[in-house]
Protein backbone atom coordinates (compact mmCIF):
# COMPACT_ATOMS: atom_id res chain seq x y z
CA MET A 1 25.69 -48.56 292.51
CA LYS A 2 22.75 -46.30 293.30
CA LYS A 3 24.70 -43.25 292.17
CA LEU A 4 25.62 -44.96 288.93
CA PHE A 5 21.98 -45.83 288.23
CA THR A 6 20.91 -42.25 288.93
CA ALA A 7 23.55 -40.89 286.53
CA VAL A 8 22.44 -43.27 283.78
CA VAL A 9 18.80 -42.27 284.24
CA LEU A 10 19.62 -38.58 284.16
CA THR A 11 21.74 -39.03 281.04
CA LEU A 12 18.97 -40.96 279.32
CA VAL A 13 16.41 -38.30 280.24
CA ALA A 14 18.73 -35.59 278.92
CA VAL A 15 19.23 -37.47 275.67
CA LEU A 16 15.52 -38.15 275.23
CA SER A 17 14.48 -34.59 276.02
CA GLY A 18 17.43 -32.73 274.54
CA CYS A 19 16.99 -33.49 270.81
CA SER A 20 15.34 -30.59 268.93
CA GLU A 21 14.27 -29.66 265.41
CA PRO A 22 14.49 -26.21 263.78
CA VAL A 23 11.55 -24.10 262.61
CA PRO A 24 13.07 -21.88 259.88
CA PRO A 25 12.05 -18.26 259.18
CA ALA A 26 8.73 -17.72 257.34
CA HIS A 27 7.37 -20.94 258.83
CA VAL A 28 5.51 -22.21 261.88
CA GLY A 29 5.61 -25.76 263.18
CA LYS A 30 3.49 -28.31 264.96
CA VAL A 31 4.50 -31.59 266.49
CA LEU A 32 2.75 -34.60 265.03
CA SER A 33 2.68 -37.55 267.44
CA SER A 34 1.18 -40.99 267.09
CA SER A 35 -2.08 -39.61 268.50
CA GLY A 36 -2.23 -36.50 266.29
CA TYR A 37 -0.99 -32.94 266.41
CA THR A 38 -0.11 -31.40 269.73
CA PRO A 39 -1.96 -28.11 270.53
CA ASP A 40 0.98 -25.69 270.36
CA VAL A 41 1.91 -23.73 267.20
CA HIS A 42 5.66 -23.10 267.29
CA PRO A 43 7.17 -19.92 265.79
CA PRO A 44 10.61 -19.88 264.11
CA GLY A 45 13.27 -21.30 266.45
CA ARG A 46 13.88 -24.78 267.79
CA VAL A 47 11.38 -27.30 269.10
CA GLY A 48 12.58 -29.93 271.59
CA GLY A 49 11.36 -33.32 272.63
CA PHE A 50 12.55 -35.42 269.70
CA GLY A 51 14.60 -38.24 271.20
CA PRO A 52 16.07 -41.21 269.37
CA PHE A 53 13.09 -43.36 270.39
CA SER A 54 10.44 -40.68 269.80
CA ARG A 55 7.77 -41.35 267.17
CA SER A 56 6.85 -37.66 266.98
CA LYS A 57 7.94 -35.46 264.13
CA LEU A 58 7.90 -31.75 263.36
CA VAL A 59 5.59 -30.58 260.53
CA LEU A 60 6.19 -27.13 259.05
CA LEU A 61 3.70 -24.70 257.54
CA GLU A 62 5.02 -22.11 255.09
CA THR A 63 3.89 -18.59 256.15
CA GLY A 64 6.01 -16.26 253.98
CA THR A 65 4.61 -14.03 251.21
CA LYS A 66 4.82 -15.24 247.60
CA THR A 67 3.84 -13.90 244.20
CA MET A 68 1.59 -16.36 242.42
CA LYS A 69 -0.48 -16.52 239.25
CA GLU A 70 -3.60 -18.26 238.04
CA THR A 71 -4.01 -18.87 234.29
CA MET A 72 -7.59 -18.80 233.04
CA THR A 73 -9.67 -18.88 229.86
CA VAL A 74 -12.98 -17.01 230.13
CA MET A 75 -15.90 -16.50 227.77
CA LEU A 76 -16.44 -12.75 227.49
CA SER A 77 -19.75 -10.94 226.97
CA ASP A 78 -19.36 -11.04 223.17
CA LYS A 79 -18.79 -14.83 223.25
CA VAL A 80 -15.07 -14.52 222.55
CA LYS A 81 -12.73 -16.68 224.65
CA LEU A 82 -9.84 -14.82 226.26
CA LYS A 83 -6.85 -16.43 227.99
CA PHE A 84 -5.06 -14.40 230.66
CA ASP A 85 -3.20 -14.57 233.99
CA ILE A 86 -4.27 -13.25 237.38
CA ARG A 87 -1.14 -12.26 239.31
CA PHE A 88 -1.20 -11.58 243.05
CA ARG A 89 0.75 -11.70 246.31
CA THR A 90 -0.50 -13.92 249.12
CA ARG A 91 0.47 -15.36 252.49
CA ILE A 92 -0.97 -17.37 255.38
CA ALA A 93 -3.16 -15.29 257.69
CA GLY A 94 -5.18 -16.14 260.81
CA SER A 95 -5.00 -17.13 264.43
CA ASP A 96 -3.51 -20.28 265.92
CA ALA A 97 -6.96 -21.87 265.71
CA VAL A 98 -7.06 -21.18 261.96
CA ILE A 99 -3.55 -22.51 261.52
CA ASN A 100 -4.47 -25.64 263.47
CA SER A 101 -7.32 -26.24 261.04
CA MET A 102 -4.87 -26.01 258.10
CA PHE A 103 -2.69 -28.75 259.59
CA ASN A 104 -5.79 -30.92 259.98
CA ASP A 105 -7.14 -30.17 256.48
CA ILE A 106 -3.97 -30.57 254.45
CA THR A 107 -1.72 -33.60 254.24
CA PRO A 108 1.94 -32.57 254.53
CA VAL A 109 4.46 -33.62 251.90
CA ASP A 110 7.93 -34.46 253.23
CA GLY A 111 7.03 -32.92 256.57
CA ARG A 112 5.89 -29.57 255.07
CA VAL A 113 2.62 -27.85 254.17
CA THR A 114 3.42 -25.36 251.40
CA LEU A 115 1.71 -22.08 250.58
CA GLU A 116 0.76 -23.56 247.18
CA GLN A 117 -1.12 -26.37 248.97
CA VAL A 118 -2.95 -23.87 251.18
CA TYR A 119 -3.84 -21.72 248.17
CA SER A 120 -5.05 -24.75 246.20
CA THR A 121 -7.25 -25.79 249.13
CA TYR A 122 -8.73 -22.43 250.13
CA GLY A 123 -8.06 -19.83 247.46
CA ARG A 124 -7.98 -21.19 243.90
CA MET A 125 -11.73 -21.48 243.39
CA ILE A 126 -12.29 -17.98 244.80
CA ILE A 127 -9.72 -16.51 242.39
CA ARG A 128 -11.23 -18.28 239.41
CA ASN A 129 -14.87 -17.57 240.23
CA LYS A 130 -14.37 -13.89 241.07
CA SER A 131 -12.19 -13.29 238.02
CA ARG A 132 -14.76 -14.94 235.77
CA GLU A 133 -17.55 -12.79 237.25
CA VAL A 134 -15.62 -9.61 236.47
CA MET A 135 -14.49 -10.58 232.97
CA ASN A 136 -17.98 -11.76 231.93
CA ASP A 137 -19.11 -8.12 231.88
CA TYR A 138 -16.60 -7.05 229.21
CA ALA A 139 -16.31 -7.56 225.46
CA VAL A 140 -12.91 -8.38 224.00
CA ASP A 141 -12.43 -4.91 222.49
CA GLU A 142 -13.11 -3.34 225.90
CA VAL A 143 -10.42 -5.22 227.81
CA HIS A 144 -7.33 -3.33 226.64
CA VAL A 145 -8.95 0.11 227.17
CA ASN A 146 -10.17 -0.85 230.67
CA TYR A 147 -7.09 -2.73 231.89
CA ASP A 148 -6.61 -0.73 235.10
CA ARG A 149 -10.34 -0.71 235.84
CA ILE A 150 -10.60 -4.49 235.41
CA SER A 151 -7.58 -5.07 237.67
CA ALA A 152 -9.14 -2.85 240.35
CA GLU A 153 -12.50 -4.66 240.10
CA MET A 154 -10.77 -8.03 240.36
CA ALA A 155 -8.74 -6.92 243.38
CA LYS A 156 -11.90 -5.74 245.15
CA ALA A 157 -13.90 -8.88 244.35
CA ILE A 158 -11.07 -11.29 245.26
CA THR A 159 -10.22 -9.47 248.50
CA GLU A 160 -13.87 -9.66 249.56
CA GLY A 161 -13.95 -13.34 248.65
CA PHE A 162 -10.85 -14.04 250.75
CA ALA A 163 -12.43 -12.54 253.87
CA GLY A 164 -13.46 -16.00 255.07
CA VAL A 165 -10.28 -17.95 254.25
CA PRO A 166 -6.88 -18.08 255.99
CA LEU A 167 -5.07 -16.23 253.20
CA ALA A 168 -4.17 -12.56 252.82
CA MET A 169 -4.27 -11.15 249.27
CA SER A 170 -2.65 -8.02 247.72
CA ASP A 171 -1.40 -6.54 244.41
CA VAL A 172 -3.98 -8.29 242.25
CA ALA A 173 -3.49 -7.53 238.53
CA LEU A 174 -4.56 -8.79 235.12
CA GLY A 175 -1.62 -9.86 232.97
CA ASN A 176 -0.21 -11.87 230.06
CA ILE A 177 -3.32 -11.57 227.90
CA ALA A 178 -3.35 -13.97 224.94
CA TRP A 179 -5.46 -12.06 222.42
CA PRO A 180 -7.48 -14.15 219.94
CA GLU A 181 -6.11 -14.23 216.40
CA VAL A 182 -9.05 -12.26 215.02
CA VAL A 183 -8.38 -9.46 217.50
CA THR A 184 -4.65 -9.44 216.75
CA ALA A 185 -5.35 -9.25 213.02
CA ALA A 186 -7.79 -6.37 213.54
CA VAL A 187 -5.31 -4.49 215.73
CA ASN A 188 -2.52 -4.99 213.19
CA ALA A 189 -4.79 -3.80 210.37
CA THR A 190 -5.75 -0.72 212.35
CA ALA A 191 -2.11 0.02 213.14
CA GLN A 192 -1.16 -0.38 209.48
CA ALA A 193 -3.98 1.92 208.39
CA ARG A 194 -2.89 4.53 210.91
CA ALA A 195 0.70 4.26 209.68
CA GLU A 196 -0.42 4.75 206.09
CA VAL A 197 -2.51 7.77 207.02
CA ALA A 198 0.41 9.19 208.97
CA LYS A 199 2.70 8.72 205.94
CA ILE A 200 0.19 10.47 203.67
CA GLU A 201 -0.09 13.34 206.11
CA ALA A 202 3.72 13.54 206.36
CA ASP A 203 4.09 13.58 202.56
CA LYS A 204 1.41 16.24 202.31
CA ALA A 205 3.10 18.34 204.95
CA LYS A 206 6.43 18.01 203.11
CA GLU A 207 4.86 19.10 199.81
CA ILE A 208 3.28 22.11 201.50
CA ALA A 209 6.59 22.99 203.13
CA ASP A 210 8.42 22.68 199.78
CA ALA A 211 5.81 24.85 198.05
CA LYS A 212 6.08 27.48 200.75
CA ALA A 213 9.88 27.39 200.42
CA ARG A 214 9.65 27.88 196.64
CA GLU A 215 7.17 30.69 197.14
CA ALA A 216 9.45 32.39 199.64
CA ILE A 217 12.43 32.09 197.25
CA ALA A 218 10.41 33.47 194.33
CA GLU A 219 9.16 36.35 196.43
CA ALA A 220 12.70 37.11 197.58
CA ASN A 221 13.96 37.09 193.98
CA TYR A 222 11.10 39.32 192.89
CA ASN A 223 11.81 41.78 195.68
CA ALA A 224 15.51 41.79 194.78
CA GLU A 225 14.77 42.51 191.11
CA LEU A 226 12.28 45.20 192.11
CA VAL A 227 14.84 46.86 194.33
CA GLU A 228 17.43 46.66 191.54
CA ALA A 229 15.01 48.22 189.03
CA ARG A 230 14.14 50.99 191.42
CA THR A 231 17.80 51.64 192.04
CA ILE A 232 18.54 51.93 188.29
CA ARG A 233 15.51 54.16 187.81
CA ASP A 234 16.52 56.43 190.65
CA TYR A 235 20.12 56.54 189.38
CA ASN A 236 19.05 57.47 185.87
CA LYS A 237 16.66 60.04 187.23
CA THR A 238 19.39 61.54 189.34
CA VAL A 239 21.87 61.62 186.43
CA ALA A 240 19.29 63.06 184.04
CA SER A 241 18.33 65.79 186.43
CA GLY A 242 21.99 66.93 186.62
CA ILE A 243 22.62 67.21 182.78
CA SER A 244 21.53 70.52 181.20
CA GLU A 245 21.42 71.55 177.53
CA ASN A 246 24.43 73.84 177.97
CA PHE A 247 26.37 70.92 179.49
CA LEU A 248 25.61 68.78 176.45
CA ARG A 249 26.76 71.58 174.11
CA PHE A 250 29.93 71.89 176.09
CA LYS A 251 30.58 68.21 175.74
CA ALA A 252 29.93 68.41 171.98
CA LEU A 253 32.43 71.27 171.61
CA LYS A 254 35.02 69.26 173.52
CA VAL A 255 34.54 66.36 171.10
CA GLN A 256 34.81 68.68 168.10
CA GLU A 257 37.96 70.12 169.57
CA GLN A 258 39.49 66.68 169.68
CA MET A 259 38.40 66.04 166.09
CA ILE A 260 40.10 69.26 164.87
CA LYS A 261 43.29 68.27 166.59
CA GLN A 262 43.22 64.91 164.87
CA MET A 263 42.70 66.57 161.46
CA GLN A 264 45.55 69.00 162.05
CA ALA A 265 47.85 66.17 163.05
CA ASN A 266 47.05 64.20 159.85
CA PRO A 267 45.81 66.56 157.10
CA GLN A 268 46.39 63.96 154.38
CA GLY A 269 44.51 61.21 156.05
CA ASN A 270 41.37 59.55 154.81
CA THR A 271 39.47 60.09 158.05
CA ILE A 272 36.78 62.76 158.04
CA TYR A 273 35.77 64.29 161.34
CA MET A 274 32.40 65.94 161.65
CA PRO A 275 29.59 66.23 164.13
CA TYR A 276 27.20 63.26 164.10
CA ASP A 277 24.19 65.48 163.35
CA ALA A 278 26.01 66.89 160.25
CA MET A 279 26.52 63.55 158.53
CA GLY A 280 23.28 63.78 156.60
CA THR A 281 23.98 67.20 155.04
CA MET A 282 24.96 67.75 151.39
CA GLY A 283 28.25 69.33 152.37
CA ALA A 284 29.21 66.27 154.40
CA GLN A 285 28.37 63.96 151.53
CA MET A 286 30.48 65.98 149.09
CA ARG A 287 33.35 66.10 151.53
CA MET A 288 33.31 62.34 151.97
CA TYR A 289 33.19 61.89 148.16
CA GLN A 290 36.20 64.07 147.70
CA LYS A 291 38.15 61.94 150.16
């Protein structure tokens, strides 16, 4: 009987002490009992001590890194309201003592304290205040030309502001700017004016190019005609220099020889053959009358 009682007690102890709950990756856990949280912060793994009659429960705190954004509307230095997002990466940071304070400050929902809850508690007001301080120094027409500078100034200011809170901050950037309608209209008008100027310049350049092309063609034609004229001149000069007076007389005698042969072949014909320079003489006129 004693042995049976011992076995039952050992089994009951094993059952009561053997039940455990998991702590998933990117989380830490604390055990919440009826008297409050126990001191230990449990890393990812399993936490024991949850028997069927235990009133304790495991509460998780999300510790992984997330990308988050804060949407804001700020009055700029020129009294124009600008809506934009601040985007950043953040995670839980700090010692076990800091983490213990988070569990005490934040009420868990469904057994979990999320990073969004921690950010809302410790970080949101810092993000908003520091971003507003930076943006208040700029006019609306200065924002788009100083985008990188503004992001760097915000990152510096927010990082310094987070020095005293249990959150680590990185990759802070200005984004998703909703430009006021007046600014959008002005930008569109400027872009349209630039496009019109560019078109005028393009048309002007085309006209200049066409004129230069016509000039080049005219000059080429002129040069071609000049070369042709020079060629004819040089040819005529060459031919003229090779024809002497004796050569011309020889050619005239050859023609007269052909004329005599024609007359001999047809003595009764009506054709009169004579040198061209003799056509105006009296003898030639009489001869032609007789025919």
